[in-house]
N, C-alpha and C. Protein backbone atom coordinates (compact mmCIF):
# COMPACT_ATOMS: atom_id res chain seq x y z
N MET A 1 93.27 72.47 -26.98
CA MET A 1 91.98 72.15 -27.55
C MET A 1 91.96 72.34 -29.04
N PRO A 2 91.98 73.57 -29.59
CA PRO A 2 91.85 73.67 -31.02
C PRO A 2 93.11 73.46 -31.82
N LYS A 3 93.10 73.93 -33.08
CA LYS A 3 93.88 73.36 -34.14
C LYS A 3 95.18 74.05 -34.49
N ALA A 4 95.28 75.35 -34.40
CA ALA A 4 96.40 76.03 -35.04
C ALA A 4 97.19 76.85 -34.04
N GLU A 5 98.30 77.43 -34.55
CA GLU A 5 99.19 78.18 -33.69
C GLU A 5 98.50 79.36 -33.01
N GLU A 6 97.50 79.93 -33.68
CA GLU A 6 96.83 81.10 -33.12
C GLU A 6 96.25 80.81 -31.75
N TYR A 7 95.87 79.55 -31.48
CA TYR A 7 95.25 79.22 -30.21
C TYR A 7 96.26 79.11 -29.07
N GLN A 8 97.53 78.96 -29.40
CA GLN A 8 98.53 78.77 -28.37
C GLN A 8 99.29 80.06 -28.03
N LYS A 9 98.80 81.19 -28.48
CA LYS A 9 99.47 82.46 -28.21
C LYS A 9 99.63 82.67 -26.70
N LYS A 10 100.82 83.11 -26.31
CA LYS A 10 101.10 83.32 -24.89
C LYS A 10 100.73 84.72 -24.43
N ASP A 11 100.54 85.64 -25.38
CA ASP A 11 100.39 87.05 -25.02
C ASP A 11 98.94 87.50 -24.93
N ILE A 12 98.01 86.56 -24.90
CA ILE A 12 96.60 86.93 -24.80
C ILE A 12 96.28 87.33 -23.36
N GLN A 13 95.77 88.53 -23.18
CA GLN A 13 95.51 89.06 -21.85
C GLN A 13 94.23 88.46 -21.26
N LEU A 14 94.25 88.22 -19.95
CA LEU A 14 93.08 87.72 -19.24
C LEU A 14 92.47 88.84 -18.42
N TYR A 15 91.14 88.83 -18.36
CA TYR A 15 90.38 89.84 -17.63
C TYR A 15 89.55 89.18 -16.55
N LYS A 16 89.35 89.89 -15.47
CA LYS A 16 88.55 89.37 -14.37
C LYS A 16 87.06 89.56 -14.66
N GLU A 17 86.29 88.50 -14.57
CA GLU A 17 84.85 88.55 -14.78
C GLU A 17 84.14 87.87 -13.60
N THR A 18 82.87 88.20 -13.45
CA THR A 18 82.06 87.63 -12.36
C THR A 18 81.12 86.58 -12.92
N ILE A 19 81.16 85.41 -12.38
CA ILE A 19 80.29 84.32 -12.81
C ILE A 19 78.84 84.65 -12.46
N ILE A 20 77.94 84.46 -13.41
CA ILE A 20 76.51 84.71 -13.15
C ILE A 20 75.69 83.43 -13.20
N GLY A 21 76.30 82.32 -13.63
CA GLY A 21 75.58 81.05 -13.64
C GLY A 21 76.53 79.89 -13.81
N ASN A 22 76.18 78.76 -13.21
CA ASN A 22 76.96 77.54 -13.37
C ASN A 22 76.02 76.36 -13.14
N GLU A 23 75.54 75.79 -14.24
CA GLU A 23 74.49 74.76 -14.19
C GLU A 23 75.05 73.41 -14.64
N GLU A 24 74.79 72.39 -13.86
CA GLU A 24 75.15 71.02 -14.25
C GLU A 24 74.03 70.47 -15.12
N ILE A 25 74.28 70.31 -16.42
CA ILE A 25 73.23 69.91 -17.34
C ILE A 25 73.19 68.40 -17.56
N SER A 26 74.25 67.71 -17.17
CA SER A 26 74.33 66.26 -17.20
C SER A 26 75.37 65.88 -16.17
N SER A 27 75.48 64.62 -15.86
CA SER A 27 76.41 64.21 -14.81
C SER A 27 77.84 64.62 -15.16
N GLY A 28 78.40 65.53 -14.35
CA GLY A 28 79.77 65.98 -14.57
C GLY A 28 79.96 66.94 -15.70
N VAL A 29 78.85 67.46 -16.27
CA VAL A 29 78.93 68.39 -17.41
C VAL A 29 78.20 69.69 -17.02
N PHE A 30 78.87 70.81 -17.24
CA PHE A 30 78.38 72.10 -16.76
C PHE A 30 78.35 73.13 -17.88
N VAL A 31 77.48 74.13 -17.70
CA VAL A 31 77.50 75.34 -18.51
C VAL A 31 77.72 76.51 -17.56
N ILE A 32 78.86 77.19 -17.72
CA ILE A 32 79.19 78.33 -16.88
C ILE A 32 79.03 79.60 -17.70
N SER A 33 78.63 80.70 -17.06
CA SER A 33 78.35 81.92 -17.80
C SER A 33 78.83 83.16 -17.05
N TYR A 34 79.11 84.20 -17.83
CA TYR A 34 79.49 85.50 -17.29
C TYR A 34 79.03 86.57 -18.28
N PRO A 35 78.93 87.84 -17.86
CA PRO A 35 78.41 88.88 -18.75
C PRO A 35 79.30 89.07 -19.99
N ARG A 36 78.66 89.24 -21.14
CA ARG A 36 79.40 89.49 -22.38
C ARG A 36 79.75 90.96 -22.49
N LYS A 37 81.05 91.24 -22.66
CA LYS A 37 81.52 92.61 -22.82
C LYS A 37 82.15 92.84 -24.19
N HIS A 38 82.36 91.76 -24.95
CA HIS A 38 83.02 91.87 -26.25
C HIS A 38 82.21 91.12 -27.30
N ASP A 39 82.19 91.65 -28.51
CA ASP A 39 81.56 90.95 -29.62
C ASP A 39 82.39 89.72 -29.99
N PHE A 40 81.73 88.73 -30.58
CA PHE A 40 82.45 87.55 -31.05
C PHE A 40 81.71 86.95 -32.24
N SER A 41 82.41 86.13 -32.99
CA SER A 41 81.81 85.40 -34.10
C SER A 41 81.53 83.97 -33.65
N PRO A 42 80.39 83.40 -34.04
CA PRO A 42 80.07 82.03 -33.64
C PRO A 42 81.16 81.06 -34.05
N GLY A 43 81.61 80.23 -33.11
CA GLY A 43 82.69 79.29 -33.35
C GLY A 43 83.99 79.69 -32.69
N GLN A 44 84.08 80.93 -32.19
CA GLN A 44 85.32 81.36 -31.56
C GLN A 44 85.48 80.79 -30.15
N VAL A 45 86.68 80.98 -29.61
CA VAL A 45 87.04 80.41 -28.31
C VAL A 45 87.46 81.53 -27.36
N ILE A 46 87.59 81.15 -26.07
CA ILE A 46 88.17 82.02 -25.06
C ILE A 46 89.13 81.19 -24.21
N LYS A 47 90.08 81.87 -23.58
CA LYS A 47 90.91 81.24 -22.57
C LYS A 47 90.29 81.49 -21.20
N ILE A 48 90.36 80.48 -20.33
CA ILE A 48 89.78 80.57 -18.98
C ILE A 48 90.80 80.10 -17.96
N ALA A 49 90.85 80.83 -16.83
CA ALA A 49 91.65 80.41 -15.68
C ALA A 49 90.91 80.79 -14.41
N ILE A 50 91.22 80.11 -13.32
CA ILE A 50 90.67 80.44 -12.02
C ILE A 50 91.56 81.46 -11.30
N ASP A 51 92.88 81.33 -11.49
CA ASP A 51 93.82 82.25 -10.88
C ASP A 51 95.08 82.30 -11.75
N GLN A 52 96.09 82.98 -11.26
CA GLN A 52 97.31 83.17 -12.04
C GLN A 52 98.35 82.07 -11.82
N THR A 53 98.04 81.07 -11.01
CA THR A 53 99.04 80.05 -10.68
C THR A 53 99.13 78.95 -11.71
N GLN A 54 98.10 78.76 -12.52
CA GLN A 54 98.08 77.72 -13.53
C GLN A 54 97.78 78.34 -14.90
N PRO A 55 98.32 77.77 -15.98
CA PRO A 55 98.04 78.31 -17.31
C PRO A 55 96.56 78.15 -17.66
N PRO A 56 96.01 79.09 -18.42
CA PRO A 56 94.59 78.99 -18.81
C PRO A 56 94.37 77.87 -19.81
N ARG A 57 93.12 77.44 -19.89
CA ARG A 57 92.71 76.45 -20.87
C ARG A 57 91.79 77.13 -21.88
N ILE A 58 91.63 76.51 -23.04
CA ILE A 58 90.86 77.10 -24.14
C ILE A 58 89.52 76.36 -24.28
N TYR A 59 88.44 77.13 -24.39
CA TYR A 59 87.11 76.56 -24.53
C TYR A 59 86.32 77.30 -25.60
N SER A 60 85.51 76.56 -26.31
CA SER A 60 84.62 77.18 -27.30
C SER A 60 83.46 77.86 -26.60
N ILE A 61 83.06 78.99 -27.13
CA ILE A 61 81.84 79.66 -26.66
C ILE A 61 80.64 78.87 -27.18
N CYS A 62 79.61 78.70 -26.34
CA CYS A 62 78.42 77.97 -26.81
C CYS A 62 77.16 78.82 -26.77
N SER A 63 77.29 80.12 -26.56
CA SER A 63 76.13 81.01 -26.57
C SER A 63 76.04 81.75 -27.90
N GLY A 64 74.87 82.33 -28.17
CA GLY A 64 74.68 83.10 -29.39
C GLY A 64 75.37 84.45 -29.32
N ASN A 65 75.75 84.98 -30.48
CA ASN A 65 76.52 86.21 -30.48
C ASN A 65 75.68 87.46 -30.23
N HIS A 66 74.36 87.30 -30.08
CA HIS A 66 73.49 88.43 -29.77
C HIS A 66 73.10 88.45 -28.29
N GLU A 67 73.51 87.45 -27.54
CA GLU A 67 73.08 87.33 -26.15
C GLU A 67 73.92 88.21 -25.23
N ASN A 68 73.40 88.45 -24.04
CA ASN A 68 74.06 89.34 -23.09
C ASN A 68 75.08 88.63 -22.22
N GLU A 69 75.24 87.34 -22.40
CA GLU A 69 76.20 86.59 -21.61
C GLU A 69 77.00 85.65 -22.50
N ILE A 70 78.19 85.30 -22.02
CA ILE A 70 79.02 84.28 -22.68
C ILE A 70 78.86 83.00 -21.87
N ARG A 71 78.57 81.91 -22.56
CA ARG A 71 78.43 80.61 -21.90
C ARG A 71 79.47 79.64 -22.46
N VAL A 72 79.94 78.77 -21.58
CA VAL A 72 80.95 77.78 -21.94
C VAL A 72 80.50 76.43 -21.41
N LEU A 73 80.60 75.43 -22.27
CA LEU A 73 80.28 74.04 -21.91
C LEU A 73 81.57 73.32 -21.55
N PHE A 74 81.58 72.63 -20.40
CA PHE A 74 82.78 71.86 -20.03
C PHE A 74 82.38 70.63 -19.23
N ASN A 75 83.22 69.62 -19.30
CA ASN A 75 83.04 68.44 -18.47
C ASN A 75 84.23 68.29 -17.53
N ILE A 76 84.00 67.71 -16.37
CA ILE A 76 85.04 67.58 -15.36
C ILE A 76 86.07 66.56 -15.81
N LYS A 77 87.32 66.98 -15.81
CA LYS A 77 88.45 66.08 -16.06
C LYS A 77 89.00 65.69 -14.69
N ASP A 78 88.87 64.42 -14.33
CA ASP A 78 89.27 63.99 -13.00
C ASP A 78 90.74 64.25 -12.70
N ASP A 79 91.57 64.20 -13.75
CA ASP A 79 93.00 64.43 -13.56
C ASP A 79 93.40 65.86 -13.88
N GLY A 80 92.42 66.73 -14.08
CA GLY A 80 92.72 68.11 -14.45
C GLY A 80 92.77 69.03 -13.25
N PHE A 81 93.34 70.21 -13.47
CA PHE A 81 93.38 71.22 -12.42
C PHE A 81 92.17 72.14 -12.48
N LEU A 82 91.82 72.59 -13.69
CA LEU A 82 90.83 73.65 -13.83
C LEU A 82 89.39 73.18 -13.66
N THR A 83 88.98 72.14 -14.39
CA THR A 83 87.56 71.82 -14.43
C THR A 83 86.97 71.39 -13.08
N PRO A 84 87.69 70.64 -12.22
CA PRO A 84 87.11 70.36 -10.91
C PRO A 84 86.84 71.63 -10.11
N LYS A 85 87.72 72.63 -10.25
CA LYS A 85 87.51 73.90 -9.55
C LYS A 85 86.37 74.70 -10.19
N LEU A 86 86.31 74.70 -11.53
CA LEU A 86 85.22 75.40 -12.21
C LEU A 86 83.86 74.85 -11.78
N ALA A 87 83.79 73.54 -11.61
CA ALA A 87 82.52 72.90 -11.28
C ALA A 87 81.99 73.33 -9.91
N THR A 88 82.86 73.78 -9.02
CA THR A 88 82.44 74.16 -7.67
C THR A 88 82.13 75.64 -7.53
N THR A 89 82.35 76.42 -8.59
CA THR A 89 82.11 77.86 -8.49
C THR A 89 80.61 78.16 -8.48
N ILE A 90 80.28 79.31 -7.92
CA ILE A 90 78.89 79.74 -7.83
C ILE A 90 78.79 81.19 -8.31
N PRO A 91 77.57 81.64 -8.64
CA PRO A 91 77.42 83.04 -9.04
C PRO A 91 78.02 83.99 -8.00
N GLY A 92 78.77 84.97 -8.50
CA GLY A 92 79.47 85.91 -7.63
C GLY A 92 80.95 85.63 -7.54
N ASP A 93 81.36 84.38 -7.83
CA ASP A 93 82.78 84.05 -7.84
C ASP A 93 83.44 84.69 -9.07
N SER A 94 84.78 84.80 -9.01
CA SER A 94 85.53 85.42 -10.09
C SER A 94 86.13 84.39 -11.03
N LEU A 95 86.37 84.85 -12.25
CA LEU A 95 86.92 84.03 -13.31
C LEU A 95 87.86 84.91 -14.12
N LEU A 96 88.94 84.33 -14.64
CA LEU A 96 89.82 85.05 -15.55
C LEU A 96 89.57 84.55 -16.96
N VAL A 97 89.26 85.46 -17.89
CA VAL A 97 88.94 85.07 -19.26
C VAL A 97 89.61 86.02 -20.24
N SER A 98 89.82 85.53 -21.46
CA SER A 98 90.34 86.37 -22.53
C SER A 98 89.20 86.91 -23.38
N LYS A 99 89.54 87.83 -24.27
CA LYS A 99 88.58 88.20 -25.30
C LYS A 99 88.41 87.02 -26.25
N PRO A 100 87.24 86.91 -26.92
CA PRO A 100 87.05 85.83 -27.89
C PRO A 100 88.01 85.97 -29.07
N TYR A 101 88.45 84.84 -29.59
CA TYR A 101 89.33 84.83 -30.76
C TYR A 101 89.22 83.47 -31.45
N GLY A 102 89.91 83.31 -32.58
CA GLY A 102 89.91 82.04 -33.30
C GLY A 102 89.25 82.13 -34.66
N SER A 103 89.51 81.11 -35.49
CA SER A 103 89.08 81.14 -36.89
C SER A 103 88.17 79.97 -37.28
N PHE A 104 87.64 79.23 -36.31
CA PHE A 104 86.69 78.15 -36.60
C PHE A 104 85.30 78.80 -36.67
N LEU A 105 85.01 79.44 -37.79
CA LEU A 105 83.86 80.33 -37.87
C LEU A 105 82.74 79.76 -38.72
N GLY A 106 81.53 79.93 -38.24
CA GLY A 106 80.38 79.50 -38.99
C GLY A 106 80.01 80.49 -40.08
N THR A 107 79.23 80.01 -41.05
CA THR A 107 78.72 80.86 -42.13
C THR A 107 77.27 80.51 -42.37
N ASP A 108 76.65 81.23 -43.28
CA ASP A 108 75.26 80.94 -43.66
C ASP A 108 75.17 79.93 -44.79
N GLN A 109 76.30 79.42 -45.28
CA GLN A 109 76.31 78.49 -46.40
C GLN A 109 75.95 77.07 -45.92
N PRO A 110 75.44 76.20 -46.82
CA PRO A 110 75.18 74.80 -46.45
C PRO A 110 76.47 74.14 -45.97
N ALA A 111 76.35 73.30 -44.94
CA ALA A 111 77.54 72.66 -44.38
C ALA A 111 77.13 71.48 -43.52
N TYR A 112 78.11 70.61 -43.28
CA TYR A 112 77.96 69.53 -42.31
C TYR A 112 78.70 69.92 -41.03
N TRP A 113 78.03 69.78 -39.89
CA TRP A 113 78.66 69.96 -38.59
C TRP A 113 78.82 68.57 -37.97
N ILE A 114 80.03 68.19 -37.64
CA ILE A 114 80.29 66.86 -37.07
C ILE A 114 81.02 67.05 -35.75
N ALA A 115 80.47 66.44 -34.69
CA ALA A 115 81.03 66.64 -33.35
C ALA A 115 80.94 65.36 -32.53
N THR A 116 81.79 65.29 -31.52
CA THR A 116 81.65 64.29 -30.47
C THR A 116 81.71 65.00 -29.13
N GLY A 117 80.94 64.49 -28.16
CA GLY A 117 80.97 65.02 -26.80
C GLY A 117 80.71 66.50 -26.72
N THR A 118 81.55 67.20 -25.93
CA THR A 118 81.39 68.64 -25.75
C THR A 118 81.82 69.42 -26.98
N GLY A 119 82.29 68.73 -28.01
CA GLY A 119 82.58 69.38 -29.29
C GLY A 119 81.34 69.97 -29.94
N ILE A 120 80.18 69.75 -29.36
CA ILE A 120 78.95 70.36 -29.87
C ILE A 120 78.92 71.86 -29.61
N ALA A 121 79.76 72.36 -28.69
CA ALA A 121 79.67 73.74 -28.22
C ALA A 121 79.72 74.78 -29.33
N PRO A 122 80.72 74.78 -30.23
CA PRO A 122 80.75 75.84 -31.25
C PRO A 122 79.56 75.79 -32.19
N TYR A 123 79.04 74.59 -32.46
CA TYR A 123 77.87 74.48 -33.33
C TYR A 123 76.62 75.03 -32.64
N TYR A 124 76.55 74.84 -31.33
CA TYR A 124 75.40 75.40 -30.61
C TYR A 124 75.46 76.93 -30.62
N SER A 125 76.68 77.48 -30.57
CA SER A 125 76.83 78.92 -30.70
C SER A 125 76.37 79.39 -32.09
N MET A 126 76.77 78.64 -33.13
CA MET A 126 76.32 78.97 -34.48
C MET A 126 74.81 78.85 -34.58
N PHE A 127 74.26 77.79 -34.00
CA PHE A 127 72.81 77.58 -34.00
C PHE A 127 72.10 78.72 -33.29
N GLN A 128 72.58 79.08 -32.10
CA GLN A 128 71.96 80.15 -31.33
C GLN A 128 72.11 81.51 -32.01
N SER A 129 73.06 81.61 -32.92
CA SER A 129 73.28 82.86 -33.66
C SER A 129 72.52 82.88 -34.98
N GLY A 130 71.70 81.85 -35.23
CA GLY A 130 70.86 81.83 -36.42
C GLY A 130 71.47 81.26 -37.66
N GLN A 131 72.56 80.51 -37.52
CA GLN A 131 73.26 79.97 -38.70
C GLN A 131 72.95 78.49 -38.94
N PHE A 132 71.72 78.06 -38.68
CA PHE A 132 71.43 76.63 -38.77
C PHE A 132 70.68 76.22 -40.04
N ASP A 133 70.28 77.16 -40.87
CA ASP A 133 69.63 76.78 -42.13
C ASP A 133 70.62 76.02 -43.02
N ASN A 134 70.14 74.99 -43.69
CA ASN A 134 70.96 74.20 -44.62
C ASN A 134 72.15 73.52 -43.95
N LYS A 135 72.02 73.22 -42.66
CA LYS A 135 73.09 72.53 -41.94
C LYS A 135 72.64 71.11 -41.58
N THR A 136 73.58 70.17 -41.65
CA THR A 136 73.36 68.81 -41.16
C THR A 136 74.30 68.60 -39.99
N LEU A 137 73.74 68.28 -38.82
CA LEU A 137 74.53 68.09 -37.62
C LEU A 137 74.60 66.60 -37.28
N ILE A 138 75.82 66.08 -37.17
CA ILE A 138 76.06 64.69 -36.78
C ILE A 138 76.81 64.73 -35.46
N HIS A 139 76.18 64.23 -34.39
CA HIS A 139 76.76 64.32 -33.04
C HIS A 139 76.95 62.91 -32.49
N GLY A 140 78.17 62.60 -32.09
CA GLY A 140 78.46 61.30 -31.52
C GLY A 140 78.69 61.37 -30.02
N ALA A 141 78.22 60.34 -29.30
CA ALA A 141 78.39 60.26 -27.85
C ALA A 141 78.40 58.80 -27.43
N ARG A 142 78.94 58.55 -26.26
CA ARG A 142 78.93 57.18 -25.74
C ARG A 142 77.58 56.83 -25.13
N HIS A 143 76.95 57.81 -24.47
CA HIS A 143 75.71 57.54 -23.73
C HIS A 143 74.61 58.51 -24.16
N LEU A 144 73.38 58.11 -23.98
CA LEU A 144 72.24 58.88 -24.46
C LEU A 144 72.09 60.22 -23.75
N ASN A 145 72.61 60.34 -22.52
CA ASN A 145 72.48 61.60 -21.79
C ASN A 145 73.58 62.59 -22.15
N GLN A 146 74.38 62.27 -23.17
CA GLN A 146 75.48 63.15 -23.57
C GLN A 146 75.21 63.91 -24.87
N PHE A 147 73.94 63.92 -25.30
CA PHE A 147 73.56 64.74 -26.46
C PHE A 147 73.07 66.09 -25.94
N TYR A 148 74.01 66.94 -25.61
CA TYR A 148 73.71 68.21 -24.97
C TYR A 148 72.94 69.13 -25.92
N PHE A 149 71.94 69.81 -25.38
CA PHE A 149 71.09 70.77 -26.11
C PHE A 149 70.22 70.07 -27.17
N GLU A 150 69.99 68.76 -27.03
CA GLU A 150 69.32 68.01 -28.09
C GLU A 150 67.89 68.46 -28.33
N ASP A 151 67.17 68.92 -27.32
CA ASP A 151 65.79 69.34 -27.54
C ASP A 151 65.72 70.51 -28.51
N ASP A 152 66.55 71.52 -28.28
CA ASP A 152 66.57 72.68 -29.17
C ASP A 152 66.99 72.28 -30.58
N LEU A 153 68.04 71.48 -30.66
CA LEU A 153 68.60 71.12 -31.96
C LEU A 153 67.64 70.24 -32.76
N GLU A 154 66.99 69.29 -32.09
CA GLU A 154 66.06 68.41 -32.80
C GLU A 154 64.85 69.19 -33.30
N TRP A 155 64.36 70.12 -32.49
CA TRP A 155 63.21 70.92 -32.89
C TRP A 155 63.52 71.75 -34.13
N ALA A 156 64.71 72.32 -34.19
CA ALA A 156 65.06 73.22 -35.30
C ALA A 156 65.56 72.48 -36.54
N LEU A 157 66.35 71.42 -36.34
CA LEU A 157 67.00 70.76 -37.47
C LEU A 157 66.23 69.56 -37.99
N GLY A 158 65.38 68.97 -37.17
CA GLY A 158 64.59 67.83 -37.62
C GLY A 158 65.45 66.68 -38.09
N LYS A 159 65.18 66.17 -39.29
CA LYS A 159 65.90 65.02 -39.84
C LYS A 159 67.37 65.32 -40.12
N ASN A 160 67.75 66.59 -40.11
CA ASN A 160 69.15 66.96 -40.32
C ASN A 160 69.97 66.93 -39.03
N TYR A 161 69.37 66.44 -37.96
CA TYR A 161 70.07 66.27 -36.68
C TYR A 161 70.21 64.77 -36.45
N ILE A 162 71.42 64.26 -36.58
CA ILE A 162 71.68 62.82 -36.46
C ILE A 162 72.51 62.56 -35.21
N ARG A 163 71.99 61.73 -34.32
CA ARG A 163 72.71 61.34 -33.11
C ARG A 163 73.26 59.92 -33.29
N CYS A 164 74.51 59.74 -32.91
CA CYS A 164 75.18 58.45 -33.00
C CYS A 164 75.66 58.06 -31.61
N CYS A 165 75.18 56.93 -31.10
CA CYS A 165 75.52 56.53 -29.74
C CYS A 165 76.20 55.16 -29.78
N SER A 166 77.39 55.07 -29.20
CA SER A 166 78.19 53.85 -29.32
C SER A 166 77.94 52.83 -28.21
N GLN A 167 77.33 53.25 -27.08
CA GLN A 167 77.21 52.32 -25.94
C GLN A 167 75.77 52.06 -25.49
N GLU A 168 74.82 52.87 -25.98
CA GLU A 168 73.41 52.66 -25.63
C GLU A 168 72.57 52.78 -26.89
N GLN A 169 71.34 52.28 -26.80
CA GLN A 169 70.47 52.30 -27.98
C GLN A 169 69.16 53.00 -27.69
N SER A 170 68.62 53.64 -28.73
CA SER A 170 67.31 54.26 -28.69
C SER A 170 66.74 54.21 -30.10
N CYS A 171 65.43 54.27 -30.21
CA CYS A 171 64.80 54.05 -31.52
C CYS A 171 65.15 55.14 -32.53
N ASP A 172 65.48 56.34 -32.07
CA ASP A 172 65.76 57.44 -32.99
C ASP A 172 67.23 57.84 -33.01
N VAL A 173 68.10 56.94 -32.58
CA VAL A 173 69.54 57.21 -32.51
C VAL A 173 70.29 56.13 -33.27
N PHE A 174 71.26 56.54 -34.10
CA PHE A 174 72.06 55.57 -34.83
C PHE A 174 72.94 54.77 -33.86
N PRO A 175 72.94 53.44 -33.95
CA PRO A 175 73.72 52.62 -33.03
C PRO A 175 75.18 52.47 -33.48
N GLY A 176 76.04 53.31 -33.00
CA GLY A 176 77.44 53.23 -33.39
C GLY A 176 78.10 54.59 -33.33
N ARG A 177 79.34 54.64 -33.77
CA ARG A 177 80.11 55.87 -33.75
C ARG A 177 79.80 56.74 -34.97
N VAL A 178 80.27 57.97 -34.93
CA VAL A 178 80.09 58.88 -36.06
C VAL A 178 80.68 58.29 -37.34
N THR A 179 81.85 57.68 -37.22
CA THR A 179 82.48 57.07 -38.41
C THR A 179 81.63 55.93 -38.95
N ASP A 180 80.99 55.17 -38.08
CA ASP A 180 80.11 54.09 -38.53
C ASP A 180 78.95 54.65 -39.36
N TYR A 181 78.39 55.76 -38.88
CA TYR A 181 77.28 56.37 -39.62
C TYR A 181 77.74 56.88 -40.97
N LEU A 182 78.88 57.57 -41.00
CA LEU A 182 79.37 58.12 -42.26
C LEU A 182 79.64 57.03 -43.29
N LYS A 183 80.07 55.87 -42.83
CA LYS A 183 80.35 54.76 -43.74
C LYS A 183 79.08 54.25 -44.41
N THR A 184 77.91 54.50 -43.81
CA THR A 184 76.65 54.05 -44.42
C THR A 184 76.18 54.96 -45.53
N LEU A 185 76.77 56.14 -45.66
CA LEU A 185 76.34 57.11 -46.67
C LEU A 185 77.05 56.82 -47.98
N ASN A 186 76.28 56.64 -49.02
CA ASN A 186 76.86 56.32 -50.33
C ASN A 186 77.51 57.53 -50.99
N GLU A 187 76.99 58.71 -50.67
CA GLU A 187 77.49 59.90 -51.36
C GLU A 187 77.42 61.10 -50.42
N LEU A 188 78.45 61.93 -50.46
CA LEU A 188 78.47 63.17 -49.69
C LEU A 188 78.73 64.32 -50.65
N PRO A 189 78.05 65.47 -50.46
CA PRO A 189 78.28 66.62 -51.35
C PRO A 189 79.74 67.07 -51.28
N ALA A 190 80.38 67.17 -52.41
CA ALA A 190 81.79 67.58 -52.44
C ALA A 190 81.96 69.08 -52.42
N ASP A 191 80.88 69.83 -52.61
CA ASP A 191 80.98 71.29 -52.70
C ASP A 191 80.57 71.99 -51.41
N GLN A 192 80.41 71.24 -50.32
CA GLN A 192 80.06 71.83 -49.03
C GLN A 192 81.23 71.76 -48.07
N LYS A 193 81.20 72.62 -47.04
CA LYS A 193 82.19 72.58 -45.97
C LYS A 193 81.79 71.52 -44.95
N TYR A 194 82.81 70.87 -44.38
CA TYR A 194 82.61 69.88 -43.33
C TYR A 194 83.40 70.34 -42.11
N TYR A 195 82.67 70.71 -41.06
CA TYR A 195 83.29 71.16 -39.83
C TYR A 195 83.41 69.98 -38.87
N LEU A 196 84.61 69.76 -38.32
CA LEU A 196 84.86 68.65 -37.40
C LEU A 196 85.31 69.21 -36.07
N CYS A 197 84.67 68.77 -34.99
CA CYS A 197 85.04 69.29 -33.67
C CYS A 197 84.94 68.16 -32.64
N GLY A 198 86.07 67.88 -31.99
CA GLY A 198 86.13 66.83 -30.98
C GLY A 198 87.57 66.43 -30.72
N LYS A 199 87.74 65.26 -30.17
CA LYS A 199 89.09 64.79 -29.86
C LYS A 199 89.85 64.46 -31.14
N ALA A 200 91.19 64.48 -31.01
CA ALA A 200 92.06 64.37 -32.18
C ALA A 200 91.81 63.09 -32.98
N LEU A 201 91.63 61.97 -32.29
CA LEU A 201 91.44 60.70 -32.99
C LEU A 201 90.20 60.73 -33.87
N MET A 202 89.10 61.26 -33.33
CA MET A 202 87.88 61.36 -34.13
C MET A 202 88.09 62.27 -35.33
N VAL A 203 88.71 63.41 -35.11
CA VAL A 203 88.91 64.37 -36.19
C VAL A 203 89.73 63.76 -37.32
N VAL A 204 90.80 63.05 -36.97
CA VAL A 204 91.65 62.43 -37.99
C VAL A 204 90.89 61.33 -38.72
N GLU A 205 90.18 60.49 -37.99
CA GLU A 205 89.44 59.39 -38.62
C GLU A 205 88.36 59.91 -39.56
N VAL A 206 87.61 60.91 -39.11
CA VAL A 206 86.54 61.46 -39.94
C VAL A 206 87.12 62.19 -41.15
N ARG A 207 88.18 62.94 -40.94
CA ARG A 207 88.82 63.63 -42.07
C ARG A 207 89.23 62.64 -43.15
N ASP A 208 89.90 61.56 -42.75
CA ASP A 208 90.36 60.58 -43.72
C ASP A 208 89.18 59.91 -44.43
N LEU A 209 88.11 59.65 -43.68
CA LEU A 209 86.93 59.02 -44.27
C LEU A 209 86.26 59.95 -45.28
N LEU A 210 86.17 61.22 -44.93
CA LEU A 210 85.57 62.18 -45.87
C LEU A 210 86.38 62.28 -47.16
N ILE A 211 87.70 62.29 -47.03
CA ILE A 211 88.56 62.36 -48.21
C ILE A 211 88.37 61.11 -49.07
N GLU A 212 88.27 59.95 -48.44
CA GLU A 212 88.02 58.71 -49.18
C GLU A 212 86.71 58.78 -49.95
N LYS A 213 85.74 59.50 -49.41
CA LYS A 213 84.43 59.61 -50.05
C LYS A 213 84.36 60.76 -51.04
N GLY A 214 85.49 61.39 -51.33
CA GLY A 214 85.54 62.40 -52.38
C GLY A 214 85.42 63.84 -51.94
N VAL A 215 85.42 64.10 -50.62
CA VAL A 215 85.36 65.48 -50.14
C VAL A 215 86.75 66.11 -50.26
N PRO A 216 86.90 67.24 -50.91
CA PRO A 216 88.21 67.87 -51.04
C PRO A 216 88.77 68.27 -49.67
N TYR A 217 90.08 68.12 -49.52
CA TYR A 217 90.73 68.44 -48.25
C TYR A 217 90.44 69.88 -47.83
N GLU A 218 90.42 70.79 -48.79
CA GLU A 218 90.23 72.20 -48.46
C GLU A 218 88.82 72.51 -47.97
N ASN A 219 87.89 71.58 -48.12
CA ASN A 219 86.52 71.77 -47.62
C ASN A 219 86.32 71.20 -46.22
N ILE A 220 87.40 70.76 -45.59
CA ILE A 220 87.33 70.19 -44.25
C ILE A 220 87.97 71.17 -43.28
N VAL A 221 87.19 71.60 -42.28
CA VAL A 221 87.68 72.56 -41.27
C VAL A 221 87.64 71.87 -39.92
N ALA A 222 88.78 71.82 -39.23
CA ALA A 222 88.87 71.02 -38.00
C ALA A 222 89.17 71.86 -36.78
N GLU A 223 88.58 71.45 -35.66
CA GLU A 223 88.85 72.00 -34.34
C GLU A 223 89.09 70.82 -33.40
N ILE A 224 90.28 70.72 -32.83
CA ILE A 224 90.62 69.58 -32.00
C ILE A 224 90.54 69.93 -30.52
N TYR A 225 89.84 69.11 -29.76
CA TYR A 225 89.73 69.29 -28.32
C TYR A 225 90.72 68.37 -27.63
N PHE A 226 91.45 68.90 -26.65
CA PHE A 226 92.40 68.09 -25.89
C PHE A 226 91.82 67.72 -24.54
């Protein structure tokens, strides 16, 4: 999922936790939760496994860092091992998880948050942790029901919450991909951070587009989902 060698560490220990919630918030998309026992910074990730027979997968935390539970957003991968099993779990079932880690961290400074699909998760953690002032969120999805947590985000961010939908239309949603929207902007602040979270192709395309528009490479922070 994410970007650097730190995420692929083999020596991260997994702990047994008890699931306290597993809600399907959209077709094939779930939010699973378990009690929080460790502090974390908004934007960090955890490793998750069902048992010891398969390697764990990495997921961004999507809950606030002051809450009593850790929540994770995931969608079912039909060809995957973990997510179909995660989707069938119920409160009381066990889960193997790591302590939170990672360096895709939010700050209180002005910034652009750019995501596609479930890449919204780390930004929602930042939002739930109170780091949404002076932020512009651009979220891309194929369908209108894939703008997860949109009610909360629209209420708080207002005009700074931009939804881009490539396959369906609505009066308050940009018709097209995130890159299509960015191409309509004549100018982007060069002194702000740009956080990118989603699949590799989107991250690369948006990074290159931002650089073309004058954003310094060092102001672009990427998290890649696999």
